[in-house]
Amino acid sequence: EGNEPGDSTKITYRELLHKVCQFANVLRSQGVKKGDRISIYMPMILELVIAMLACARIGALHSVVFAGFSADSLCERILDCGCSLLIT
């Protein structure tokens, strides 16, 4: 379920696995490896869950930043955790 009432999406476990594996391969192609730190700056959508699971799949640490934060707040969080990649 998303942020808005009535806003929802259905997906099977097989479809989710396929999308997670695809995105994990994208992250690997960008040089992300086990132990890297990644920030995720997205609203509550299916792609947020896919990004989180893809990070976990390859062993990268992820930090979800609420999409309502300002650019300065996002910058501070990225610098504090030493992220190598930002997913938006």
Protein backbone atom coordinates (compact mmCIF):
# COMPACT_ATOMS: atom_id res chain seq x y z
CA GLU A 1 0.00 0.00 0.00
CA GLY A 2 1.17 3.49 -0.84
CA ASN A 3 0.80 6.79 0.94
CA GLU A 4 -2.69 7.51 -0.38
CA PRO A 5 -5.69 5.50 0.83
CA GLY A 6 -6.74 3.07 -1.86
CA ASP A 7 -3.36 3.30 -3.61
CA SER A 8 -2.08 -0.28 -3.78
CA THR A 9 -0.29 -2.69 -6.09
CA LYS A 10 -0.30 -6.47 -6.20
CA ILE A 11 2.74 -8.48 -7.23
CA THR A 12 3.59 -12.17 -7.00
CA TYR A 13 6.68 -13.46 -5.23
CA ARG A 14 8.03 -14.62 -8.60
CA GLU A 15 7.60 -11.16 -10.15
CA LEU A 16 9.19 -9.55 -7.10
CA LEU A 17 12.17 -11.90 -7.23
CA HIS A 18 12.64 -11.17 -10.94
CA LYS A 19 12.59 -7.39 -10.39
CA VAL A 20 14.92 -7.62 -7.37
CA CYS A 21 17.44 -9.72 -9.32
CA GLN A 22 17.28 -7.28 -12.24
CA PHE A 23 17.97 -4.31 -10.00
CA ALA A 24 20.71 -6.15 -8.12
CA ASN A 25 22.42 -6.68 -11.49
CA VAL A 26 22.08 -2.95 -12.23
CA LEU A 27 23.72 -2.14 -8.90
CA ARG A 28 26.54 -4.61 -9.60
CA SER A 29 27.08 -3.04 -13.03
CA GLN A 30 27.51 0.31 -11.24
CA GLY A 31 30.29 -1.20 -9.13
CA VAL A 32 28.29 -1.74 -5.93
CA LYS A 33 29.61 -4.65 -3.87
CA LYS A 34 29.14 -6.26 -0.48
CA GLY A 35 29.61 -3.77 2.35
CA ASP A 36 29.03 -0.63 0.25
CA ARG A 37 26.65 1.95 1.67
CA ILE A 38 23.72 3.18 -0.40
CA SER A 39 21.08 5.83 0.31
CA ILE A 40 17.56 5.45 -1.05
CA TYR A 41 15.50 8.63 -1.46
CA MET A 42 12.04 7.56 -2.69
CA PRO A 43 8.38 7.76 -1.70
CA MET A 44 6.46 4.66 -0.59
CA ILE A 45 6.28 2.88 -3.94
CA LEU A 46 7.03 -0.65 -5.06
CA GLU A 47 10.42 0.40 -6.45
CA LEU A 48 11.52 1.36 -2.93
CA VAL A 49 10.98 -2.20 -1.72
CA ILE A 50 12.74 -3.58 -4.80
CA ALA A 51 15.74 -1.30 -4.20
CA MET A 52 15.97 -2.31 -0.53
CA LEU A 53 15.78 -6.03 -1.32
CA ALA A 54 18.31 -5.68 -4.16
CA CYS A 55 20.77 -4.04 -1.75
CA ALA A 56 20.25 -6.84 0.75
CA ARG A 57 20.65 -9.44 -2.00
CA ILE A 58 24.17 -8.25 -2.86
CA GLY A 59 25.14 -7.45 0.73
CA ALA A 60 25.15 -3.66 0.42
CA LEU A 61 23.97 -1.61 3.38
CA HIS A 62 21.08 0.71 2.66
CA SER A 63 19.66 3.76 4.37
CA VAL A 64 16.15 4.90 3.45
CA VAL A 65 15.70 8.68 3.60
CA PHE A 66 12.11 9.94 3.77
CA ALA A 67 11.24 11.60 0.46
CA GLY A 68 9.93 14.70 2.24
CA PHE A 69 13.39 15.82 3.45
CA SER A 70 15.01 18.88 1.91
CA ALA A 71 18.12 18.70 -0.28
CA ASP A 72 20.29 19.93 2.62
CA SER A 73 18.95 17.25 4.97
CA LEU A 74 19.53 14.59 2.34
CA CYS A 75 23.08 15.86 1.79
CA GLU A 76 23.84 15.66 5.52
CA ARG A 77 22.61 12.06 5.72
CA ILE A 78 24.63 11.02 2.67
CA LEU A 79 27.80 12.56 4.08
CA ASP A 80 27.21 11.12 7.57
CA CYS A 81 27.00 7.53 6.37
CA GLY A 82 29.56 7.84 3.55
CA CYS A 83 27.30 6.57 0.78
CA SER A 84 28.75 5.57 -2.54
CA LEU A 85 25.41 5.69 -4.40
CA LEU A 86 22.05 7.47 -4.15
CA ILE A 87 18.94 5.80 -5.55
CA THR A 88 16.07 8.18 -6.35
